[in-house]
Protein backbone atom coordinates (compact mmCIF):
# COMPACT_ATOMS: atom_id res chain seq x y z
CA MET A 1 16.26 0.17 26.32
CA THR A 2 13.48 1.02 23.47
CA LYS A 3 9.97 0.09 25.53
CA LYS A 4 7.64 -1.86 23.26
CA VAL A 5 4.08 -0.54 23.63
CA ALA A 6 0.73 -2.33 22.52
CA VAL A 7 -2.38 -0.43 22.24
CA THR A 8 -6.01 -1.46 21.90
CA THR A 9 -9.23 0.23 21.61
CA LEU A 10 -13.17 -0.34 22.12
CA GLY A 11 -15.70 1.64 21.24
CA CYS A 12 -16.35 4.74 19.40
CA LYS A 13 -14.62 7.09 16.92
CA VAL A 14 -13.83 9.10 19.49
CA ASN A 15 -11.63 6.43 21.48
CA GLN A 16 -10.00 5.63 18.14
CA PHE A 17 -8.73 8.90 17.61
CA GLU A 18 -7.59 9.49 21.17
CA SER A 19 -5.91 6.03 20.72
CA ALA A 20 -3.64 7.04 17.84
CA SER A 21 -2.83 10.34 19.82
CA PHE A 22 -1.41 7.96 22.63
CA ILE A 23 0.29 6.17 19.46
CA THR A 24 1.70 9.39 17.99
CA GLY A 25 3.13 10.70 21.82
CA PHE A 26 4.72 6.85 22.40
CA THR A 27 6.04 6.89 18.72
CA GLU A 28 7.72 10.48 19.66
CA ALA A 29 9.03 9.12 22.95
CA ASP A 30 11.17 6.70 20.73
CA CYS A 31 8.69 3.49 21.51
CA GLU A 32 8.11 0.71 19.57
CA ILE A 33 4.48 0.28 19.01
CA VAL A 34 3.58 -3.80 18.85
CA PRO A 35 0.53 -5.96 18.30
CA PHE A 36 -1.46 -6.09 21.32
CA SER A 37 -1.63 -9.70 21.07
CA GLY A 38 1.99 -10.24 21.67
CA PRO A 39 4.58 -9.28 24.24
CA ALA A 40 5.11 -5.80 25.61
CA ASP A 41 6.17 -3.40 28.01
CA ILE A 42 3.29 -1.29 28.28
CA TYR A 43 -0.23 -2.19 27.38
CA VAL A 44 -2.50 0.57 27.12
CA ILE A 45 -6.49 -0.25 27.03
CA ASN A 46 -8.78 2.39 25.76
CA THR A 47 -11.91 1.16 27.47
CA CYS A 48 -15.78 1.17 26.86
CA THR A 49 -18.21 0.51 28.81
CA VAL A 50 -21.75 1.92 26.80
CA THR A 51 -22.98 -1.29 27.35
CA ALA A 52 -22.47 -4.31 29.74
CA ARG A 53 -20.70 -6.57 27.19
CA ALA A 54 -18.24 -3.29 26.05
CA GLY A 55 -17.31 -3.42 30.18
CA GLN A 56 -16.98 -7.15 30.10
CA GLN A 57 -14.62 -6.91 26.80
CA SER A 58 -12.57 -4.22 28.61
CA ARG A 59 -11.80 -6.68 31.50
CA GLN A 60 -11.24 -9.57 29.35
CA LEU A 61 -8.20 -7.56 27.38
CA ILE A 62 -6.85 -6.40 30.84
CA ARG A 63 -6.52 -9.95 32.13
CA ARG A 64 -5.27 -11.04 28.66
CA ALA A 65 -2.52 -8.28 28.35
CA MET A 66 -1.59 -9.61 32.36
CA ARG A 67 -1.21 -13.05 31.45
CA THR A 68 0.69 -11.92 27.96
CA ASN A 69 3.04 -10.10 30.21
CA PRO A 70 2.75 -10.57 34.15
CA GLU A 71 5.76 -7.97 34.34
CA ALA A 72 4.49 -5.51 31.99
CA ARG A 73 2.85 -1.84 33.01
CA ILE A 74 -1.10 -2.11 32.39
CA VAL A 75 -2.52 1.55 31.64
CA VAL A 76 -6.43 1.62 31.53
CA THR A 77 -8.34 4.38 30.08
CA GLY A 78 -11.28 5.26 28.87
CA CYS A 79 -14.85 5.05 29.87
CA HIS A 80 -14.95 1.99 31.60
CA ALA A 81 -11.90 3.15 33.54
CA GLN A 82 -13.63 6.34 34.77
CA VAL A 83 -17.04 4.91 35.84
CA ASP A 84 -15.64 1.65 37.27
CA THR A 85 -12.31 2.27 39.04
CA ASP A 86 -13.25 -0.02 42.02
CA ASN A 87 -13.79 -2.75 39.55
CA LEU A 88 -10.56 -2.45 37.89
CA LEU A 89 -8.98 -2.37 41.12
CA ASP A 90 -9.94 -5.80 42.17
CA ILE A 91 -8.39 -7.41 38.72
CA LEU A 92 -5.34 -5.43 37.96
CA GLY A 93 -2.09 -6.42 39.49
CA ASN A 94 1.12 -4.11 39.68
CA PRO A 95 2.34 -1.98 38.02
CA ALA A 96 -1.05 -0.39 37.17
CA CYS A 97 -2.08 3.02 35.78
CA ILE A 98 -6.02 3.94 35.78
CA ILE A 99 -6.51 7.37 33.66
CA GLY A 100 -9.77 9.01 33.45
CA ASN A 101 -11.23 10.51 30.32
CA GLY A 102 -10.11 14.10 31.82
CA ASN A 103 -6.46 12.94 31.94
CA LYS A 104 -5.82 11.57 28.75
CA HIS A 105 -3.38 13.82 27.67
CA LEU A 106 -1.22 12.82 30.59
CA LEU A 107 -1.19 9.19 29.68
CA VAL A 108 2.26 8.63 27.76
CA GLU A 109 4.00 10.23 30.35
CA THR A 110 2.64 8.58 33.08
CA ALA A 111 3.37 5.41 31.37
CA LEU A 112 6.80 5.96 30.93
CA ILE A 113 7.59 7.12 34.39
CA GLU A 114 10.53 5.16 35.72
CA ASN A 115 10.04 3.55 38.85
CA PRO A 116 6.40 4.33 39.61
CA PRO A 117 4.18 3.55 42.44
CA GLU A 118 2.28 0.38 42.26
CA ILE A 119 -0.51 2.13 41.35
CA ILE A 120 -1.28 5.34 39.76
CA MET A 121 -4.88 6.83 39.55
CA LEU A 122 -5.53 9.73 37.40
CA THR A 123 -9.21 9.81 37.21
CA GLY A 124 -10.82 13.30 38.77
CA ASN A 125 -13.94 14.36 38.93
CA ILE A 126 -15.03 14.22 35.48
CA ASP A 127 -18.08 16.38 35.90
CA ARG A 128 -15.90 19.27 36.80
CA GLN A 129 -13.98 18.99 33.79
CA ARG A 130 -14.29 22.23 31.61
CA GLU A 131 -11.60 21.96 28.71
CA ILE A 132 -11.23 19.18 26.23
CA CYS A 133 -7.82 17.41 26.76
CA ARG A 134 -5.82 18.24 23.83
CA LEU A 135 -4.37 15.19 21.93
CA PRO A 136 -2.68 15.69 18.75
CA VAL A 137 -2.37 13.16 15.95
CA ARG A 138 0.00 12.25 13.32
CA ARG A 139 -1.29 9.44 11.91
CA PHE A 140 -3.98 6.18 11.77
CA ARG A 141 -2.04 3.26 11.51
CA GLY A 142 -3.55 0.94 9.09
CA ARG A 143 -6.43 3.38 8.37
CA THR A 144 -6.89 5.41 5.11
CA ARG A 145 -9.21 7.96 6.57
CA CYS A 146 -8.76 10.02 9.23
CA TYR A 147 -10.78 11.04 12.36
CA LEU A 148 -10.98 14.39 13.78
CA ARG A 149 -12.19 14.78 17.64
CA ILE A 150 -13.64 18.55 18.11
CA GLN A 151 -16.08 17.76 20.89
CA ASP A 152 -16.36 15.47 24.23
CA GLY A 153 -18.95 15.15 26.76
CA CYS A 154 -22.52 15.37 26.67
CA ASN A 155 -25.27 17.47 28.16
CA ASN A 156 -28.24 15.49 26.86
CA PHE A 157 -28.65 12.64 29.81
CA CYS A 158 -31.01 10.43 27.99
CA SER A 159 -31.97 8.13 30.33
CA TYR A 160 -30.51 4.89 29.04
CA CYS A 161 -27.50 6.67 28.51
CA ILE A 162 -23.76 6.35 31.01
CA VAL A 163 -22.02 8.63 28.39
CA PRO A 164 -22.60 12.23 30.67
CA TYR A 165 -21.14 10.29 33.59
CA SER A 166 -18.00 8.86 31.78
CA ARG A 167 -17.15 11.70 29.44
CA GLY A 168 -18.64 15.06 31.68
CA ARG A 169 -20.16 17.94 30.01
CA SER A 170 -20.05 19.06 26.87
CA ARG A 171 -16.58 20.71 25.71
CA SER A 172 -15.27 21.79 22.28
CA LEU A 173 -11.54 21.91 20.64
CA PRO A 174 -10.61 25.68 19.87
CA ARG A 175 -10.92 26.35 16.22
CA ALA A 176 -7.08 27.11 16.00
CA SER A 177 -6.59 23.57 17.14
CA VAL A 178 -9.01 21.79 14.92
CA ILE A 179 -7.32 23.84 11.99
CA GLU A 180 -3.77 22.81 12.87
CA GLN A 181 -4.75 19.01 13.40
CA THR A 182 -6.72 18.86 9.97
CA GLU A 183 -3.27 20.41 8.37
CA ILE A 184 -1.26 17.50 9.92
CA PHE A 185 -3.43 15.33 8.23
CA GLN A 186 -3.49 16.83 4.82
CA GLU A 187 0.61 17.14 5.05
CA GLN A 188 0.17 13.28 6.03
CA GLY A 189 -1.60 12.81 3.11
CA TYR A 190 -5.27 11.85 4.17
CA ARG A 191 -7.75 12.41 1.61
CA GLU A 192 -10.95 11.74 3.68
CA MET A 193 -11.81 12.97 7.35
CA VAL A 194 -14.59 12.35 9.55
CA VAL A 195 -15.33 15.01 12.34
CA THR A 196 -16.44 13.46 15.22
CA GLY A 197 -17.47 13.81 18.86
CA ILE A 198 -19.65 12.41 21.64
CA ASN A 199 -22.05 15.50 20.64
CA VAL A 200 -20.71 16.97 17.77
CA GLY A 201 -23.81 19.30 16.84
CA LYS A 202 -23.16 21.09 20.47
CA TYR A 203 -19.60 21.96 19.18
CA GLY A 204 -18.41 25.63 19.84
CA LEU A 205 -21.41 26.32 22.24
CA ASP A 206 -18.80 26.64 25.22
CA LEU A 207 -16.47 28.42 23.60
CA ASP A 208 -16.01 32.41 23.01
CA GLU A 209 -15.29 32.25 19.38
CA GLY A 210 -18.69 32.79 17.84
CA GLU A 211 -18.56 29.14 16.12
CA ASN A 212 -20.97 26.30 16.35
CA ILE A 213 -20.71 23.07 14.27
CA TYR A 214 -22.12 24.56 10.98
CA SER A 215 -19.72 27.50 10.43
CA LEU A 216 -16.74 25.22 11.45
CA LEU A 217 -17.80 22.39 8.76
CA ASP A 218 -18.01 25.36 6.10
CA GLY A 219 -14.76 26.51 7.10
CA LEU A 220 -13.16 23.24 6.97
CA CYS A 221 -14.87 22.51 3.69
CA LYS A 222 -13.21 25.50 2.09
CA LYS A 223 -10.05 25.69 3.75
CA PHE A 224 -9.28 22.08 3.03
CA PRO A 225 -11.14 21.59 -0.80
CA GLY A 226 -9.19 18.80 -1.40
CA MET A 227 -10.03 16.70 1.79
CA ARG A 228 -13.42 14.83 1.64
CA ILE A 229 -15.12 15.42 5.09
CA ARG A 230 -17.68 13.43 6.78
CA LEU A 231 -19.68 14.31 9.91
CA SER A 232 -20.13 11.50 12.20
CA SER A 233 -23.40 11.08 13.96
CA VAL A 234 -25.70 13.93 14.64
CA GLU A 235 -28.81 14.35 16.57
CA PRO A 236 -32.25 15.04 14.75
CA VAL A 237 -32.85 18.33 16.07
CA GLU A 238 -29.41 19.50 14.55
CA VAL A 239 -30.07 18.73 10.76
CA ASN A 240 -31.17 21.92 9.64
CA ASP A 241 -31.64 24.08 6.61
CA ARG A 242 -28.16 25.46 7.14
CA LEU A 243 -26.55 21.82 7.25
CA LEU A 244 -28.33 20.87 4.36
CA ALA A 245 -27.02 24.27 2.54
CA LEU A 246 -23.39 22.99 3.63
CA MET A 247 -23.83 19.59 1.89
CA GLY A 248 -25.10 21.54 -1.23
CA ASP A 249 -22.63 24.33 -1.34
CA ASN A 250 -19.27 21.94 -0.82
CA ALA A 251 -18.27 19.29 -3.08
CA ASN A 252 -16.27 18.05 -0.57
CA PHE A 253 -18.97 17.50 2.25
CA MET A 254 -20.09 13.97 1.65
CA PRO A 255 -23.43 13.77 1.26
CA HIS A 256 -24.12 11.16 4.21
CA LEU A 257 -25.69 11.65 7.63
CA HIS A 258 -26.20 9.23 10.61
CA ILE A 259 -28.91 10.35 12.90
CA PRO A 260 -30.09 8.47 15.94
CA LEU A 261 -33.49 7.42 16.07
CA GLN A 262 -33.60 4.98 18.86
CA SER A 263 -37.26 4.28 18.93
CA GLY A 264 -40.04 5.16 16.73
CA ASP A 265 -42.89 5.35 19.18
CA ASP A 266 -43.17 8.45 21.15
CA ARG A 267 -44.12 6.91 24.62
CA ILE A 268 -40.62 5.43 24.51
CA LEU A 269 -38.94 8.27 23.47
CA THR A 270 -40.11 10.64 26.14
CA ARG A 271 -39.03 7.54 28.43
CA MET A 272 -35.73 7.78 27.01
CA ASN A 273 -35.55 11.11 27.63
CA ARG A 274 -35.08 12.07 23.71
CA ARG A 275 -35.68 15.49 22.74
CA TYR A 276 -38.08 15.03 19.79
CA SER A 277 -41.09 12.81 18.36
CA VAL A 278 -41.87 10.32 15.50
CA GLU A 279 -43.45 13.33 13.70
CA PHE A 280 -40.04 15.41 13.69
CA PHE A 281 -38.05 12.80 12.79
CA VAL A 282 -39.74 11.51 9.95
CA HIS A 283 -39.69 15.63 8.89
CA VAL A 284 -36.09 15.58 9.00
CA ILE A 285 -35.77 11.86 6.86
CA GLU A 286 -38.09 13.75 4.30
CA LYS A 287 -36.12 16.74 4.07
CA ILE A 288 -32.81 15.10 3.71
CA VAL A 289 -34.22 13.03 0.79
CA SER A 290 -35.85 15.76 -0.99
CA ALA A 291 -32.75 18.03 -1.15
CA PHE A 292 -30.29 14.69 -1.84
CA PRO A 293 -32.42 12.05 -2.87
CA VAL A 294 -29.22 9.53 -3.31
CA ALA A 295 -27.41 10.78 0.22
CA ALA A 296 -26.79 7.90 2.74
CA ILE A 297 -28.67 8.30 6.21
CA GLY A 298 -27.93 5.89 8.87
CA CYS A 299 -30.02 5.64 11.90
CA ASP A 300 -29.27 4.12 15.08
CA VAL A 301 -32.32 2.22 17.10
CA LEU A 302 -32.35 0.48 20.14
CA ALA A 303 -34.11 -2.56 20.95
CA GLY A 304 -35.87 -3.74 24.38
CA PHE A 305 -36.16 -0.42 26.10
CA PRO A 306 -38.12 -0.95 29.38
CA GLY A 307 -41.43 -0.65 28.65
CA GLU A 308 -40.89 -1.21 24.88
CA ASP A 309 -44.35 -3.62 24.21
CA GLU A 310 -45.08 -5.20 21.04
CA THR A 311 -47.10 -2.26 19.91
CA ALA A 312 -44.06 0.11 20.50
CA ALA A 313 -41.66 -2.30 18.87
CA ASN A 314 -43.64 -3.06 15.91
CA ASN A 315 -44.30 0.79 15.76
CA THR A 316 -40.29 1.01 15.39
CA TYR A 317 -40.35 -1.69 12.93
CA ARG A 318 -43.06 -0.04 10.60
CA LEU A 319 -41.72 3.59 10.95
CA LEU A 320 -38.00 2.24 10.08
CA LYS A 321 -39.29 -0.02 6.95
CA GLY A 322 -41.12 2.91 5.51
CA LEU A 323 -38.77 5.48 6.21
CA PRO A 324 -35.87 6.02 3.00
CA VAL A 325 -33.04 5.37 5.28
CA SER A 326 -30.13 3.37 3.92
CA TYR A 327 -28.88 1.42 6.64
CA LEU A 328 -29.30 0.69 10.59
CA HIS A 329 -27.05 0.55 13.79
CA VAL A 330 -29.07 -2.17 16.06
CA PHE A 331 -28.13 -2.01 19.55
CA PRO A 332 -30.27 -4.06 22.36
CA TYR A 333 -30.54 -2.07 25.08
CA SER A 334 -28.36 -2.31 28.07
CA ARG A 335 -28.91 -1.91 31.45
CA ARG A 336 -26.22 0.51 33.05
CA PRO A 337 -26.26 1.33 37.00
CA GLY A 338 -26.52 4.88 37.56
CA THR A 339 -28.74 5.58 34.76
CA ALA A 340 -32.25 6.70 35.04
CA ALA A 341 -33.44 3.94 33.02
CA ALA A 342 -31.66 1.14 35.09
CA ALA A 343 -34.32 1.57 37.62
CA PHE A 344 -37.40 1.49 35.15
CA LYS A 345 -39.70 -1.22 35.97
CA GLU A 346 -40.85 -3.30 33.22
CA GLN A 347 -37.21 -4.50 32.00
CA VAL A 348 -37.83 -6.55 28.45
CA ASN A 349 -37.17 -10.39 28.63
CA GLY A 350 -33.93 -11.09 27.07
CA ARG A 351 -34.91 -13.66 24.55
CA ILE A 352 -37.99 -10.77 23.51
CA LYS A 353 -35.18 -8.24 23.19
CA ASP A 354 -32.99 -10.55 21.42
CA GLU A 355 -35.83 -11.57 18.72
CA ARG A 356 -36.44 -7.88 18.21
CA VAL A 357 -32.76 -7.21 17.42
CA ARG A 358 -32.72 -9.99 14.92
CA ARG A 359 -35.45 -8.43 13.25
CA LEU A 360 -34.24 -5.16 12.91
CA ARG A 361 -30.83 -6.54 11.67
CA ARG A 362 -32.71 -8.60 9.23
CA LEU A 363 -34.48 -5.16 7.86
CA ASP A 364 -30.86 -3.25 8.09
CA GLN A 365 -29.54 -5.86 5.35
CA GLU A 366 -32.76 -5.33 3.08
CA LYS A 367 -32.18 -1.39 3.42
CA ARG A 368 -28.74 -1.52 2.60
CA GLN A 369 -29.61 -3.88 -0.40
CA ASP A 370 -32.43 -1.96 -1.86
CA PHE A 371 -29.86 1.35 -1.23
CA CYS A 372 -27.37 -0.06 -3.32
CA GLN A 373 -29.94 -1.57 -6.06
CA ARG A 374 -31.61 1.70 -6.43
CA GLN A 375 -27.95 3.13 -7.82
CA LEU A 376 -26.83 0.61 -10.23
CA GLU A 377 -25.40 1.95 -13.34
CA SER A 378 -24.63 5.05 -11.13
CA ASN A 379 -21.11 6.70 -11.14
CA HIS A 380 -19.16 7.42 -7.79
CA ARG A 381 -15.83 8.95 -6.61
CA VAL A 382 -14.18 5.95 -3.99
CA LEU A 383 -11.40 6.84 -1.82
CA VAL A 384 -9.38 3.07 -2.37
CA GLU A 385 -8.84 2.05 0.91
CA ARG A 386 -7.06 -1.61 1.00
CA ARG A 387 -7.55 -4.57 -0.92
CA ASN A 388 -10.05 -6.89 0.33
CA LYS A 389 -8.42 -10.41 1.87
CA LYS A 390 -11.12 -12.66 1.05
CA THR A 391 -12.20 -11.33 -2.53
CA GLY A 392 -8.65 -9.84 -3.90
CA LEU A 393 -10.43 -6.91 -5.16
CA LEU A 394 -9.96 -3.16 -3.87
CA GLN A 395 -12.16 -1.83 -1.86
CA GLY A 396 -13.61 1.62 -0.55
CA PHE A 397 -16.78 3.77 0.33
CA SER A 398 -18.63 6.34 -2.42
CA GLU A 399 -19.30 9.47 -1.52
CA ASN A 400 -22.73 8.10 0.04
CA TYR A 401 -21.01 5.27 1.68
CA ILE A 402 -21.28 2.54 -0.36
CA PRO A 403 -18.64 0.08 0.63
CA LEU A 404 -17.76 -0.59 -2.91
CA GLN A 405 -15.37 -3.28 -4.56
CA PHE A 406 -13.75 -3.40 -7.97
CA PRO A 407 -10.94 -4.75 -9.34
CA GLY A 408 -7.41 -2.60 -10.16
CA PRO A 409 -3.99 -2.35 -9.42
CA SER A 410 -3.02 -2.04 -5.88
CA ARG A 411 -1.24 1.60 -6.74
CA LEU A 412 -4.46 3.04 -6.33
CA ILE A 413 -5.02 2.29 -2.70
CA ARG A 414 -5.16 5.99 -0.73
CA GLN A 415 -6.21 7.36 -4.18
CA VAL A 416 -10.02 8.87 -4.99
CA VAL A 417 -11.07 7.31 -8.07
CA ARG A 418 -14.10 7.13 -10.49
CA VAL A 419 -16.28 3.57 -10.42
CA ARG A 420 -19.37 2.74 -11.62
CA LEU A 421 -21.64 0.35 -9.57
CA GLU A 422 -22.58 -2.33 -11.67
CA ARG A 423 -24.20 -5.01 -9.52
CA VAL A 424 -24.87 -6.63 -5.71
CA GLU A 425 -23.69 -10.10 -5.18
CA ASP A 426 -24.15 -11.77 -1.84
CA GLY A 427 -24.37 -8.19 -0.45
CA ILE A 428 -21.50 -7.10 -1.98
CA PRO A 429 -21.50 -4.07 -4.28
CA LEU A 430 -19.29 -4.59 -7.01
CA ALA A 431 -18.27 -1.69 -9.60
CA ARG A 432 -15.76 -1.27 -12.08
CA LEU A 433 -13.14 1.31 -12.85
CA GLU A 434 -14.22 4.16 -15.30
CA ASP A 435 -11.95 4.15 -18.17
CA ASN A 436 -11.39 7.89 -19.01
CA GLN A 437 -9.22 8.45 -15.75
CA ASP A 438 -5.37 8.72 -14.76
CA ARG A 439 -4.93 4.98 -13.46
CA THR A 440 -1.41 6.13 -12.13
CA THR A 441 -2.56 8.59 -9.54
CA GLY A 442 -6.29 8.52 -9.39
CA VAL A 443 -8.53 11.41 -9.93
CA ASP A 444 -11.04 13.65 -7.79
């Protein structure tokens, strides 16, 4: 009998890539992939634990699956499974599997074992993991863009972050495997790929191949000229002249960088164990804007870190307000047991933290609006992803990550088309198709 498998994912792009690999494996094993909300024989929950809320959501999804089908096999993997196994054992029924981040390549075959023991645990010591899990992907269900995980783990040990404890040390995918996976995506018709990892800037440093993130990106751009390539989050210290040269030399390397700031106060950056100063960060942003005036620049910022007083919070707000960045990802600091910051004194009151988050998120909306307004009447190439259910318009991202909507036929979905940004209404950037292009197939 064909087994029905439901997969759900919390957290980062790396988790999304890994879940796509699970779905590939289950599909090749002749399983039927079904919605997580309905009945299934096997439920896979790929968890996150970067915040307390993410851990809570992970446990809620496990309980939901157990209620939907009490007889189903529950497979829990991801960062919450890696660092909070005891908590999971308290809520899991039988049969169940707990798969650590270092053993995700074993997940499909483990989930499909006939007559398994009541509990299977494959967590292991992630600190000792020295090779990245090989997790091939065929397709991303429901997605026009694909993700390619080239690296896992982190050696930075920022004082607030649980990731080095849940993901282990930095490990890279060999170049041949990167090329092989990209070829699969190209064969499957993908036109845009996001190169991702936990700390992608450290790619290749653990391998004996003479590759680094810059040589890899340059090679991918040149070998796959028809594939639009984006780089996920990259550390400020890794944004250098070579990276900017890649962006200038390769038309398919999208002018879009996401760079974590976390705080605009030097004292807080030191307490966070971030290895740069505010002055250095400003220099990085100015260098990007000088070379690429319309490049999208996103920033992560953490509000309410222990010891962040009003002066530090205002320093962060003023810095970001004055910087020519395009958008912000704002997170409240979440106390994670096992990290250095969890033991810090001067934890910030929740109400104060929430207000700082709200203020920064309002600034984010202003930044997005300003970025779009500055580019009115400009032309863009957009990968059409879907039709927006609310507006009925086609939607997709421009090269510089503007989420554009515009009227057009559904046959343009998954094609790259030229549009002109005309106006912004209710926060939505609206465009129109340019007339001088083939509307049957789209155009690069």
